[in-house]
Amino acid sequence: MSVHLLLSAGRGPQECAWALAMLLPRLEVDARGRGLTTRRVETVPGDRPGTFRSVLVRISGADAAAFAAGWTGTLCWQARSPYRAGNGRRNWYVTARPCQVDAPVPTFDERDIEVVGVRTGGPGGQHRNKASTAVRATHRPSGTVVVVDTERQFSLNRRIAVDLLRRRIAQADEATRRALTADRWRVHDELVRGDPVRVERPRAGG
């Protein structure tokens, strides 16, 4: 199995982007030590060379979810700023959150559509009512239903109903993708400074 973990420096100072760059290799080494693999799916560089505003990491392996949970929350890199010598602050915070990257996109298959003839009213509807040329089409996987009675032939209404369902399913899929993207961007504003779930520091000798 695999999970995606989004690490973000939020809107913090440049040191937070540096802290993310320091924490990321620690996460990757920790993952390897547990028999997991990681891949940097997406990176947004910081203002300074070698730093990151955000990194999306894919973690794969049998215990990927449990591992990601151990790195979820506020992370702290504890060291003096490499950019401001007079700054006494030593704690630089990064947030990490699991996220869904892609919504599952089902293949649109006409065999998943149930079509039945129905009677509808309205102007000119008397002939259609008698012949039941109107169509109610249901896309079973999503539960989306459309009724079409614009034509006098059942086959034409059926064709229109199928095309209408295809468009509506595509629009729903796009809306879901936009919502997932918006959720990922909200992570950048959720950084909570203090009370970190992990504190990492430079190791002696490097």
N, C-alpha and C. Protein backbone atom coordinates (compact mmCIF):
# COMPACT_ATOMS: atom_id res chain seq x y z
N MET A 1 0.84 -1.18 0.00
CA MET A 1 0.00 0.00 0.00
C MET A 1 0.88 1.24 0.00
N SER A 2 0.28 2.37 -0.29
CA SER A 2 1.04 3.62 -0.30
C SER A 2 0.16 4.75 0.23
N VAL A 3 0.81 5.73 0.84
CA VAL A 3 0.13 6.93 1.31
C VAL A 3 0.95 8.14 0.88
N HIS A 4 0.30 9.29 0.82
CA HIS A 4 0.99 10.53 0.49
C HIS A 4 1.03 11.42 1.72
N LEU A 5 2.19 11.97 1.98
CA LEU A 5 2.38 12.88 3.11
C LEU A 5 2.86 14.21 2.57
N LEU A 6 2.12 15.26 2.91
CA LEU A 6 2.49 16.61 2.47
C LEU A 6 3.19 17.33 3.61
N LEU A 7 4.43 17.73 3.38
CA LEU A 7 5.19 18.50 4.35
C LEU A 7 5.23 19.94 3.88
N SER A 8 4.92 20.87 4.78
CA SER A 8 4.84 22.28 4.40
C SER A 8 5.50 23.17 5.43
N ALA A 9 6.20 24.18 4.93
CA ALA A 9 6.77 25.20 5.80
C ALA A 9 5.74 26.28 6.09
N GLY A 10 4.54 26.11 5.58
CA GLY A 10 3.49 27.08 5.80
C GLY A 10 3.90 28.46 5.32
N ARG A 11 3.52 29.45 6.07
CA ARG A 11 3.89 30.83 5.72
C ARG A 11 4.99 31.34 6.66
N GLY A 12 5.75 30.39 7.19
CA GLY A 12 6.82 30.75 8.12
C GLY A 12 8.00 31.39 7.41
N PRO A 13 9.00 31.84 8.18
CA PRO A 13 10.19 32.48 7.61
C PRO A 13 11.03 31.49 6.82
N GLN A 14 12.08 32.00 6.19
CA GLN A 14 12.91 31.17 5.32
C GLN A 14 13.55 30.01 6.09
N GLU A 15 13.71 30.18 7.38
CA GLU A 15 14.29 29.09 8.18
C GLU A 15 13.37 27.87 8.21
N CYS A 16 12.07 28.08 8.09
CA CYS A 16 11.14 26.95 8.08
C CYS A 16 11.31 26.13 6.81
N ALA A 17 11.57 26.80 5.68
CA ALA A 17 11.85 26.08 4.44
C ALA A 17 13.17 25.31 4.56
N TRP A 18 14.13 25.90 5.27
CA TRP A 18 15.40 25.20 5.54
C TRP A 18 15.15 24.01 6.45
N ALA A 19 14.31 24.20 7.47
CA ALA A 19 13.99 23.11 8.39
C ALA A 19 13.35 21.94 7.65
N LEU A 20 12.47 22.25 6.71
CA LEU A 20 11.84 21.19 5.92
C LEU A 20 12.90 20.40 5.16
N ALA A 21 13.87 21.12 4.58
CA ALA A 21 14.94 20.45 3.83
C ALA A 21 15.79 19.57 4.75
N MET A 22 15.91 19.93 6.02
CA MET A 22 16.66 19.12 6.96
C MET A 22 15.85 17.91 7.44
N LEU A 23 14.55 18.10 7.61
CA LEU A 23 13.69 17.03 8.12
C LEU A 23 13.41 15.96 7.07
N LEU A 24 13.33 16.38 5.82
CA LEU A 24 12.96 15.44 4.76
C LEU A 24 13.90 14.24 4.67
N PRO A 25 15.23 14.43 4.66
CA PRO A 25 16.11 13.26 4.63
C PRO A 25 15.96 12.38 5.86
N ARG A 26 15.66 12.97 7.00
CA ARG A 26 15.45 12.16 8.22
C ARG A 26 14.25 11.24 8.01
N LEU A 27 13.18 11.79 7.45
CA LEU A 27 12.00 10.97 7.17
C LEU A 27 12.35 9.84 6.21
N GLU A 28 13.09 10.16 5.16
CA GLU A 28 13.42 9.16 4.14
C GLU A 28 14.31 8.05 4.71
N VAL A 29 15.27 8.43 5.53
CA VAL A 29 16.14 7.43 6.17
C VAL A 29 15.34 6.56 7.13
N ASP A 30 14.46 7.19 7.89
CA ASP A 30 13.61 6.45 8.82
C ASP A 30 12.75 5.45 8.06
N ALA A 31 12.21 5.88 6.93
CA ALA A 31 11.36 4.98 6.13
C ALA A 31 12.15 3.79 5.61
N ARG A 32 13.35 4.05 5.09
CA ARG A 32 14.19 2.95 4.58
C ARG A 32 14.51 1.96 5.69
N GLY A 33 14.77 2.47 6.87
CA GLY A 33 15.08 1.58 7.99
C GLY A 33 13.92 0.68 8.39
N ARG A 34 12.72 1.06 7.96
CA ARG A 34 11.54 0.25 8.26
C ARG A 34 11.07 -0.56 7.05
N GLY A 35 11.94 -0.62 6.03
CA GLY A 35 11.61 -1.41 4.85
C GLY A 35 10.62 -0.73 3.91
N LEU A 36 10.49 0.58 4.00
CA LEU A 36 9.56 1.32 3.15
C LEU A 36 10.33 2.09 2.08
N THR A 37 9.65 2.44 1.02
CA THR A 37 10.25 3.27 -0.02
C THR A 37 9.54 4.62 -0.06
N THR A 38 10.29 5.64 -0.45
CA THR A 38 9.71 6.98 -0.55
C THR A 38 10.04 7.58 -1.92
N ARG A 39 9.16 8.46 -2.36
CA ARG A 39 9.42 9.19 -3.61
C ARG A 39 8.88 10.60 -3.46
N ARG A 40 9.69 11.56 -3.84
CA ARG A 40 9.26 12.96 -3.80
C ARG A 40 8.42 13.23 -5.04
N VAL A 41 7.13 13.27 -4.85
CA VAL A 41 6.21 13.41 -5.98
C VAL A 41 6.18 14.84 -6.49
N GLU A 42 6.24 15.79 -5.57
CA GLU A 42 6.12 17.20 -5.95
C GLU A 42 6.90 18.03 -4.94
N THR A 43 7.69 18.97 -5.43
CA THR A 43 8.45 19.85 -4.54
C THR A 43 8.24 21.31 -4.96
N VAL A 44 8.12 22.17 -3.97
CA VAL A 44 8.05 23.62 -4.20
C VAL A 44 9.26 24.23 -3.51
N PRO A 45 10.20 24.77 -4.27
CA PRO A 45 11.44 25.27 -3.66
C PRO A 45 11.21 26.51 -2.82
N GLY A 46 12.10 26.70 -1.84
CA GLY A 46 12.08 27.91 -1.03
C GLY A 46 12.89 29.00 -1.70
N ASP A 47 13.00 30.14 -1.02
CA ASP A 47 13.76 31.26 -1.56
C ASP A 47 15.26 30.98 -1.57
N ARG A 48 15.73 30.20 -0.63
CA ARG A 48 17.15 29.87 -0.54
C ARG A 48 17.44 28.56 -1.27
N PRO A 49 18.61 28.44 -1.88
CA PRO A 49 18.96 27.20 -2.58
C PRO A 49 18.90 26.00 -1.63
N GLY A 50 18.32 24.91 -2.12
CA GLY A 50 18.28 23.67 -1.35
C GLY A 50 17.20 23.61 -0.30
N THR A 51 16.32 24.63 -0.26
CA THR A 51 15.23 24.62 0.72
C THR A 51 13.90 24.36 0.02
N PHE A 52 12.89 24.04 0.81
CA PHE A 52 11.58 23.70 0.25
C PHE A 52 10.47 24.41 1.02
N ARG A 53 9.52 24.98 0.28
CA ARG A 53 8.30 25.47 0.92
C ARG A 53 7.36 24.31 1.20
N SER A 54 7.35 23.32 0.29
CA SER A 54 6.53 22.13 0.52
C SER A 54 7.06 20.98 -0.30
N VAL A 55 6.80 19.78 0.19
CA VAL A 55 7.19 18.55 -0.51
C VAL A 55 6.08 17.52 -0.31
N LEU A 56 5.68 16.91 -1.39
CA LEU A 56 4.70 15.83 -1.33
C LEU A 56 5.46 14.53 -1.50
N VAL A 57 5.38 13.66 -0.48
CA VAL A 57 6.14 12.41 -0.47
C VAL A 57 5.18 11.23 -0.55
N ARG A 58 5.49 10.31 -1.45
CA ARG A 58 4.74 9.06 -1.51
C ARG A 58 5.51 8.00 -0.73
N ILE A 59 4.85 7.38 0.21
CA ILE A 59 5.46 6.35 1.06
C ILE A 59 4.79 5.02 0.74
N SER A 60 5.60 4.04 0.38
CA SER A 60 5.04 2.75 -0.05
C SER A 60 5.60 1.62 0.80
N GLY A 61 4.74 0.65 1.09
CA GLY A 61 5.15 -0.51 1.87
C GLY A 61 4.03 -0.98 2.76
N ALA A 62 4.25 -2.12 3.39
CA ALA A 62 3.19 -2.75 4.17
C ALA A 62 2.71 -1.88 5.33
N ASP A 63 3.62 -1.15 5.97
CA ASP A 63 3.24 -0.35 7.13
C ASP A 63 3.30 1.14 6.84
N ALA A 64 3.04 1.51 5.58
CA ALA A 64 3.16 2.91 5.18
C ALA A 64 2.25 3.83 5.97
N ALA A 65 1.01 3.40 6.21
CA ALA A 65 0.06 4.26 6.92
C ALA A 65 0.49 4.50 8.36
N ALA A 66 0.95 3.45 9.03
CA ALA A 66 1.39 3.59 10.41
C ALA A 66 2.63 4.48 10.49
N PHE A 67 3.53 4.31 9.54
CA PHE A 67 4.73 5.15 9.51
C PHE A 67 4.36 6.61 9.31
N ALA A 68 3.47 6.88 8.35
CA ALA A 68 3.06 8.26 8.08
C ALA A 68 2.41 8.88 9.31
N ALA A 69 1.66 8.07 10.05
CA ALA A 69 1.00 8.58 11.26
C ALA A 69 2.03 9.07 12.27
N GLY A 70 3.18 8.41 12.32
CA GLY A 70 4.24 8.81 13.25
C GLY A 70 4.92 10.10 12.85
N TRP A 71 4.73 10.52 11.61
CA TRP A 71 5.31 11.78 11.13
C TRP A 71 4.23 12.83 10.88
N THR A 72 3.03 12.58 11.31
CA THR A 72 1.92 13.51 11.07
C THR A 72 1.77 14.49 12.23
N GLY A 73 1.67 15.76 11.88
CA GLY A 73 1.51 16.80 12.89
C GLY A 73 2.56 17.88 12.71
N THR A 74 2.86 18.58 13.78
CA THR A 74 3.89 19.62 13.74
C THR A 74 5.25 18.98 14.01
N LEU A 75 6.21 19.26 13.13
CA LEU A 75 7.58 18.77 13.25
C LEU A 75 8.49 19.95 13.59
N CYS A 76 9.48 19.71 14.38
CA CYS A 76 10.38 20.79 14.79
C CYS A 76 11.83 20.44 14.43
N TRP A 77 12.49 21.36 13.76
CA TRP A 77 13.94 21.27 13.55
C TRP A 77 14.58 22.25 14.51
N GLN A 78 15.43 21.73 15.41
CA GLN A 78 15.98 22.54 16.49
C GLN A 78 17.45 22.85 16.19
N ALA A 79 17.69 24.07 15.76
CA ALA A 79 19.05 24.51 15.44
C ALA A 79 19.02 26.02 15.21
N ARG A 80 20.19 26.64 15.32
CA ARG A 80 20.26 28.08 15.09
C ARG A 80 20.12 28.37 13.60
N SER A 81 19.57 29.54 13.31
CA SER A 81 19.37 29.96 11.93
C SER A 81 20.70 30.04 11.18
N PRO A 82 20.77 29.48 9.96
CA PRO A 82 21.99 29.62 9.18
C PRO A 82 22.02 30.96 8.42
N TYR A 83 20.96 31.73 8.52
CA TYR A 83 20.84 32.96 7.74
C TYR A 83 20.95 34.23 8.59
N ARG A 84 20.60 34.13 9.87
CA ARG A 84 20.62 35.31 10.74
C ARG A 84 21.39 34.98 12.01
N ALA A 85 22.64 35.37 12.01
CA ALA A 85 23.55 34.99 13.10
C ALA A 85 23.10 35.51 14.45
N GLY A 86 22.46 36.68 14.47
CA GLY A 86 22.06 37.26 15.75
C GLY A 86 20.72 36.76 16.26
N ASN A 87 20.08 35.89 15.52
CA ASN A 87 18.76 35.41 15.92
C ASN A 87 18.91 34.27 16.92
N GLY A 88 18.35 34.46 18.11
CA GLY A 88 18.51 33.43 19.14
C GLY A 88 17.51 32.29 19.04
N ARG A 89 16.58 32.39 18.12
CA ARG A 89 15.56 31.35 18.01
C ARG A 89 16.18 30.05 17.51
N ARG A 90 15.73 28.94 18.08
CA ARG A 90 16.28 27.63 17.70
C ARG A 90 15.22 26.65 17.19
N ASN A 91 13.96 26.97 17.37
CA ASN A 91 12.90 26.05 16.96
C ASN A 91 12.23 26.54 15.68
N TRP A 92 12.26 25.68 14.65
CA TRP A 92 11.66 26.01 13.36
C TRP A 92 10.67 24.91 13.01
N TYR A 93 9.45 25.31 12.69
CA TYR A 93 8.36 24.34 12.60
C TYR A 93 7.91 24.08 11.16
N VAL A 94 7.52 22.82 10.96
CA VAL A 94 7.00 22.33 9.69
C VAL A 94 5.76 21.50 10.01
N THR A 95 4.79 21.50 9.12
CA THR A 95 3.62 20.65 9.33
C THR A 95 3.62 19.51 8.33
N ALA A 96 3.11 18.37 8.75
CA ALA A 96 3.02 17.19 7.87
C ALA A 96 1.63 16.60 8.00
N ARG A 97 0.97 16.38 6.87
CA ARG A 97 -0.39 15.85 6.87
C ARG A 97 -0.55 14.83 5.73
N PRO A 98 -1.18 13.70 6.02
CA PRO A 98 -1.53 12.78 4.93
C PRO A 98 -2.54 13.46 4.02
N CYS A 99 -2.50 13.18 2.75
CA CYS A 99 -3.47 13.78 1.84
C CYS A 99 -3.77 12.82 0.70
N GLN A 100 -4.93 12.98 0.14
CA GLN A 100 -5.33 12.21 -1.03
C GLN A 100 -4.95 13.02 -2.25
N VAL A 101 -4.20 12.41 -3.14
CA VAL A 101 -3.69 13.14 -4.30
C VAL A 101 -4.67 13.10 -5.46
N ASP A 102 -5.14 11.92 -5.79
CA ASP A 102 -6.03 11.77 -6.94
C ASP A 102 -7.31 11.06 -6.52
N ALA A 103 -8.41 11.58 -6.97
CA ALA A 103 -9.68 10.89 -6.74
C ALA A 103 -9.78 9.73 -7.72
N PRO A 104 -10.28 8.59 -7.28
CA PRO A 104 -10.46 7.49 -8.23
C PRO A 104 -11.42 7.90 -9.33
N VAL A 105 -10.99 7.70 -10.57
CA VAL A 105 -11.81 8.09 -11.72
C VAL A 105 -12.38 6.83 -12.35
N PRO A 106 -13.67 6.55 -12.12
CA PRO A 106 -14.26 5.35 -12.71
C PRO A 106 -14.39 5.49 -14.22
N THR A 107 -14.22 4.39 -14.91
CA THR A 107 -14.41 4.39 -16.35
C THR A 107 -15.90 4.44 -16.66
N PHE A 108 -16.29 5.40 -17.49
CA PHE A 108 -17.70 5.52 -17.84
C PHE A 108 -18.05 4.40 -18.81
N ASP A 109 -19.01 3.59 -18.41
CA ASP A 109 -19.41 2.43 -19.20
C ASP A 109 -20.93 2.47 -19.36
N GLU A 110 -21.39 2.46 -20.59
CA GLU A 110 -22.83 2.50 -20.84
C GLU A 110 -23.55 1.30 -20.24
N ARG A 111 -22.82 0.24 -20.00
CA ARG A 111 -23.46 -0.94 -19.40
C ARG A 111 -23.86 -0.68 -17.95
N ASP A 112 -23.32 0.40 -17.37
CA ASP A 112 -23.69 0.76 -16.00
C ASP A 112 -24.94 1.64 -15.96
N ILE A 113 -25.53 1.91 -17.11
CA ILE A 113 -26.69 2.79 -17.18
C ILE A 113 -27.97 1.96 -17.34
N GLU A 114 -28.92 2.24 -16.49
CA GLU A 114 -30.24 1.61 -16.58
C GLU A 114 -31.20 2.59 -17.24
N VAL A 115 -31.80 2.20 -18.34
CA VAL A 115 -32.69 3.07 -19.10
C VAL A 115 -34.09 2.48 -19.10
N VAL A 116 -35.07 3.30 -18.74
CA VAL A 116 -36.47 2.86 -18.77
C VAL A 116 -37.31 3.93 -19.44
N GLY A 117 -38.38 3.51 -20.10
CA GLY A 117 -39.31 4.45 -20.71
C GLY A 117 -40.25 5.00 -19.66
N VAL A 118 -40.53 6.28 -19.72
CA VAL A 118 -41.44 6.92 -18.77
C VAL A 118 -42.40 7.82 -19.54
N ARG A 119 -43.45 8.19 -18.87
CA ARG A 119 -44.42 9.11 -19.44
C ARG A 119 -44.23 10.48 -18.79
N THR A 120 -44.17 11.50 -19.61
CA THR A 120 -44.00 12.86 -19.11
C THR A 120 -45.09 13.75 -19.67
N GLY A 121 -45.37 14.83 -18.97
CA GLY A 121 -46.37 15.78 -19.43
C GLY A 121 -45.73 16.96 -20.12
N GLY A 122 -46.47 18.05 -20.22
CA GLY A 122 -45.94 19.24 -20.85
C GLY A 122 -46.45 19.40 -22.26
N PRO A 123 -46.18 20.55 -22.88
CA PRO A 123 -46.64 20.81 -24.24
C PRO A 123 -46.15 19.74 -25.21
N GLY A 124 -47.07 19.28 -26.03
CA GLY A 124 -46.70 18.27 -27.01
C GLY A 124 -46.43 16.93 -26.41
N GLY A 125 -46.71 16.77 -25.14
CA GLY A 125 -46.35 15.54 -24.45
C GLY A 125 -47.35 14.43 -24.61
N GLN A 126 -48.53 14.72 -25.17
CA GLN A 126 -49.56 13.69 -25.23
C GLN A 126 -49.11 12.50 -26.05
N HIS A 127 -48.50 12.79 -27.23
CA HIS A 127 -48.04 11.68 -28.07
C HIS A 127 -46.95 10.89 -27.37
N ARG A 128 -46.04 11.61 -26.72
CA ARG A 128 -44.94 10.92 -26.05
C ARG A 128 -45.45 10.10 -24.88
N ASN A 129 -46.47 10.61 -24.20
CA ASN A 129 -47.03 9.85 -23.08
C ASN A 129 -47.58 8.51 -23.54
N LYS A 130 -48.29 8.55 -24.65
CA LYS A 130 -48.89 7.31 -25.14
C LYS A 130 -47.83 6.32 -25.59
N ALA A 131 -46.78 6.86 -26.19
CA ALA A 131 -45.75 5.96 -26.73
C ALA A 131 -44.64 5.67 -25.74
N SER A 132 -44.65 6.35 -24.60
CA SER A 132 -43.58 6.21 -23.59
C SER A 132 -42.20 6.43 -24.21
N THR A 133 -42.09 7.49 -25.00
CA THR A 133 -40.81 7.75 -25.67
C THR A 133 -39.83 8.48 -24.75
N ALA A 134 -40.30 9.05 -23.66
CA ALA A 134 -39.38 9.72 -22.73
C ALA A 134 -38.51 8.66 -22.05
N VAL A 135 -37.36 9.11 -21.57
CA VAL A 135 -36.37 8.20 -21.02
C VAL A 135 -35.92 8.67 -19.64
N ARG A 136 -35.86 7.74 -18.70
CA ARG A 136 -35.20 7.99 -17.42
C ARG A 136 -33.96 7.09 -17.39
N ALA A 137 -32.81 7.72 -17.30
CA ALA A 137 -31.54 6.98 -17.31
C ALA A 137 -30.84 7.16 -15.97
N THR A 138 -30.40 6.05 -15.40
CA THR A 138 -29.73 6.06 -14.10
C THR A 138 -28.33 5.48 -14.24
N HIS A 139 -27.33 6.26 -13.80
CA HIS A 139 -25.95 5.76 -13.75
C HIS A 139 -25.78 5.07 -12.40
N ARG A 140 -25.80 3.75 -12.41
CA ARG A 140 -25.87 3.00 -11.16
C ARG A 140 -24.70 3.27 -10.21
N PRO A 141 -23.44 3.33 -10.68
CA PRO A 141 -22.34 3.54 -9.72
C PRO A 141 -22.46 4.85 -8.93
N SER A 142 -22.93 5.91 -9.56
CA SER A 142 -23.00 7.21 -8.89
C SER A 142 -24.40 7.57 -8.41
N GLY A 143 -25.42 6.89 -8.94
CA GLY A 143 -26.78 7.21 -8.57
C GLY A 143 -27.34 8.42 -9.30
N THR A 144 -26.61 8.94 -10.28
CA THR A 144 -27.07 10.10 -11.04
C THR A 144 -28.21 9.71 -11.97
N VAL A 145 -29.28 10.53 -11.97
CA VAL A 145 -30.47 10.24 -12.77
C VAL A 145 -30.80 11.43 -13.67
N VAL A 146 -31.13 11.16 -14.91
CA VAL A 146 -31.61 12.21 -15.83
C VAL A 146 -32.88 11.70 -16.51
N VAL A 147 -33.75 12.64 -16.83
CA VAL A 147 -34.96 12.33 -17.60
C VAL A 147 -34.94 13.19 -18.85
N VAL A 148 -35.13 12.58 -20.00
CA VAL A 148 -35.10 13.29 -21.28
C VAL A 148 -36.37 12.97 -22.06
N ASP A 149 -37.06 14.03 -22.51
CA ASP A 149 -38.27 13.83 -23.30
C ASP A 149 -38.35 14.82 -24.45
N THR A 150 -37.18 15.30 -24.90
CA THR A 150 -37.16 16.35 -25.91
C THR A 150 -37.47 15.83 -27.31
N GLU A 151 -37.28 14.55 -27.56
CA GLU A 151 -37.52 13.98 -28.88
C GLU A 151 -38.71 13.04 -28.86
N ARG A 152 -39.23 12.76 -30.04
CA ARG A 152 -40.39 11.88 -30.15
C ARG A 152 -39.99 10.42 -30.30
N GLN A 153 -38.70 10.18 -30.46
CA GLN A 153 -38.22 8.80 -30.61
C GLN A 153 -37.47 8.38 -29.35
N PHE A 154 -37.79 7.21 -28.87
CA PHE A 154 -37.15 6.66 -27.67
C PHE A 154 -35.63 6.59 -27.86
N SER A 155 -35.19 6.12 -29.03
CA SER A 155 -33.75 5.94 -29.27
C SER A 155 -32.99 7.26 -29.21
N LEU A 156 -33.61 8.33 -29.73
CA LEU A 156 -32.95 9.64 -29.68
C LEU A 156 -32.87 10.16 -28.25
N ASN A 157 -33.95 9.99 -27.50
CA ASN A 157 -33.93 10.41 -26.10
C ASN A 157 -32.91 9.61 -25.30
N ARG A 158 -32.80 8.34 -25.62
CA ARG A 158 -31.82 7.50 -24.93
C ARG A 158 -30.41 8.00 -25.20
N ARG A 159 -30.13 8.33 -26.46
CA ARG A 159 -28.79 8.82 -26.82
C ARG A 159 -28.47 10.12 -26.09
N ILE A 160 -29.46 11.03 -26.05
CA ILE A 160 -29.26 12.30 -25.35
C ILE A 160 -29.03 12.07 -23.86
N ALA A 161 -29.80 11.14 -23.27
CA ALA A 161 -29.67 10.86 -21.84
C ALA A 161 -28.28 10.31 -21.51
N VAL A 162 -27.78 9.41 -22.33
CA VAL A 162 -26.45 8.84 -22.09
C VAL A 162 -25.38 9.92 -22.19
N ASP A 163 -25.48 10.79 -23.20
CA ASP A 163 -24.50 11.87 -23.35
C ASP A 163 -24.57 12.83 -22.17
N LEU A 164 -25.79 13.10 -21.70
CA LEU A 164 -25.96 13.99 -20.56
C LEU A 164 -25.35 13.40 -19.30
N LEU A 165 -25.54 12.11 -19.10
CA LEU A 165 -24.93 11.44 -17.95
C LEU A 165 -23.41 11.48 -18.05
N ARG A 166 -22.89 11.25 -19.23
CA ARG A 166 -21.43 11.27 -19.41
C ARG A 166 -20.86 12.62 -19.01
N ARG A 167 -21.53 13.70 -19.42
CA ARG A 167 -21.04 15.04 -19.08
C ARG A 167 -21.15 15.32 -17.59
N ARG A 168 -22.26 14.90 -17.00
CA ARG A 168 -22.44 15.16 -15.56
C ARG A 168 -21.44 14.40 -14.72
N ILE A 169 -21.14 13.16 -15.11
CA ILE A 169 -20.14 12.38 -14.36
C ILE A 169 -18.77 13.02 -14.49
N ALA A 170 -18.44 13.49 -15.70
CA ALA A 170 -17.15 14.15 -15.92
C ALA A 170 -17.06 15.42 -15.10
N GLN A 171 -18.14 16.19 -15.01
CA GLN A 171 -18.14 17.42 -14.22
C GLN A 171 -17.97 17.12 -12.73
N ALA A 172 -18.62 16.05 -12.27
CA ALA A 172 -18.49 15.66 -10.87
C ALA A 172 -17.06 15.23 -10.56
N ASP A 173 -16.42 14.50 -11.48
CA ASP A 173 -15.04 14.08 -11.27
C ASP A 173 -14.11 15.29 -11.19
N GLU A 174 -14.34 16.27 -12.06
CA GLU A 174 -13.50 17.47 -12.05
C GLU A 174 -13.69 18.26 -10.76
N ALA A 175 -14.92 18.33 -10.28
CA ALA A 175 -15.19 19.03 -9.02
C ALA A 175 -14.48 18.34 -7.86
N THR A 176 -14.44 17.02 -7.89
CA THR A 176 -13.75 16.27 -6.83
C THR A 176 -12.26 16.55 -6.87
N ARG A 177 -11.68 16.59 -8.07
CA ARG A 177 -10.25 16.88 -8.19
C ARG A 177 -9.93 18.29 -7.67
N ARG A 178 -10.79 19.24 -7.99
CA ARG A 178 -10.56 20.61 -7.50
C ARG A 178 -10.64 20.67 -5.99
N ALA A 179 -11.58 19.92 -5.41
CA ALA A 179 -11.71 19.90 -3.95
C ALA A 179 -10.47 19.31 -3.29
N LEU A 180 -9.91 18.25 -3.88
CA LEU A 180 -8.70 17.65 -3.32
C LEU A 180 -7.53 18.62 -3.37
N THR A 181 -7.41 19.35 -4.49
CA THR A 181 -6.34 20.33 -4.62
C THR A 181 -6.51 21.43 -3.57
N ALA A 182 -7.74 21.88 -3.36
CA ALA A 182 -7.99 22.92 -2.36
C ALA A 182 -7.64 22.43 -0.96
N ASP A 183 -7.93 21.17 -0.67
CA ASP A 183 -7.59 20.61 0.64
C ASP A 183 -6.08 20.61 0.86
N ARG A 184 -5.34 20.27 -0.20
CA ARG A 184 -3.88 20.27 -0.07
C ARG A 184 -3.35 21.66 0.20
N TRP A 185 -3.91 22.67 -0.47
CA TRP A 185 -3.43 24.03 -0.24
C TRP A 185 -3.75 24.52 1.15
N ARG A 186 -4.86 24.03 1.73
CA ARG A 186 -5.22 24.47 3.08
C ARG A 186 -4.20 24.01 4.12
N VAL A 187 -3.48 22.94 3.82
CA VAL A 187 -2.47 22.45 4.75
C VAL A 187 -1.43 23.53 5.03
N HIS A 188 -1.13 24.36 4.02
CA HIS A 188 -0.10 25.39 4.19
C HIS A 188 -0.51 26.43 5.24
N ASP A 189 -1.80 26.53 5.53
CA ASP A 189 -2.26 27.51 6.51
C ASP A 189 -2.55 26.88 7.87
N GLU A 190 -2.26 25.59 8.01
CA GLU A 190 -2.61 24.89 9.23
C GLU A 190 -1.42 24.65 10.16
N LEU A 191 -0.30 25.25 9.87
CA LEU A 191 0.89 25.03 10.69
C LEU A 191 0.69 25.58 12.09
N VAL A 192 0.83 24.69 13.07
CA VAL A 192 0.70 25.06 14.48
C VAL A 192 2.10 25.04 15.10
N ARG A 193 2.57 26.19 15.53
CA ARG A 193 3.89 26.26 16.14
C ARG A 193 3.81 25.85 17.61
N GLY A 194 4.73 25.01 18.01
CA GLY A 194 4.72 24.50 19.37
C GLY A 194 4.07 23.14 19.45
N ASP A 195 4.33 22.44 20.55
CA ASP A 195 3.79 21.11 20.80
C ASP A 195 4.04 20.16 19.62
N PRO A 196 5.30 20.03 19.18
CA PRO A 196 5.58 19.17 18.03
C PRO A 196 5.46 17.69 18.36
N VAL A 197 5.13 16.89 17.36
CA VAL A 197 5.09 15.44 17.55
C VAL A 197 6.49 14.85 17.42
N ARG A 198 7.39 15.57 16.75
CA ARG A 198 8.78 15.12 16.63
C ARG A 198 9.70 16.33 16.71
N VAL A 199 10.83 16.14 17.36
CA VAL A 199 11.88 17.16 17.40
C VAL A 199 13.16 16.53 16.88
N GLU A 200 13.73 17.11 15.85
CA GLU A 200 14.98 16.61 15.27
C GLU A 200 16.04 17.69 15.38
N ARG A 201 17.29 17.24 15.55
CA ARG A 201 18.41 18.18 15.69
C ARG A 201 19.56 17.73 14.81
N PRO A 202 20.49 18.66 14.49
CA PRO A 202 21.69 18.23 13.77
C PRO A 202 22.46 17.21 14.58
N ARG A 203 23.03 16.24 13.91
CA ARG A 203 23.78 15.21 14.62
C ARG A 203 25.24 15.63 14.70
N ALA A 204 25.89 15.17 15.73
CA ALA A 204 27.31 15.49 15.94
C ALA A 204 28.12 15.03 14.75
N GLY A 205 28.95 15.90 14.27
CA GLY A 205 29.82 15.54 13.15
C GLY A 205 29.17 15.73 11.80
N GLY A 206 27.92 16.30 11.74
CA GLY A 206 27.31 16.57 10.44
C GLY A 206 25.84 16.69 10.53
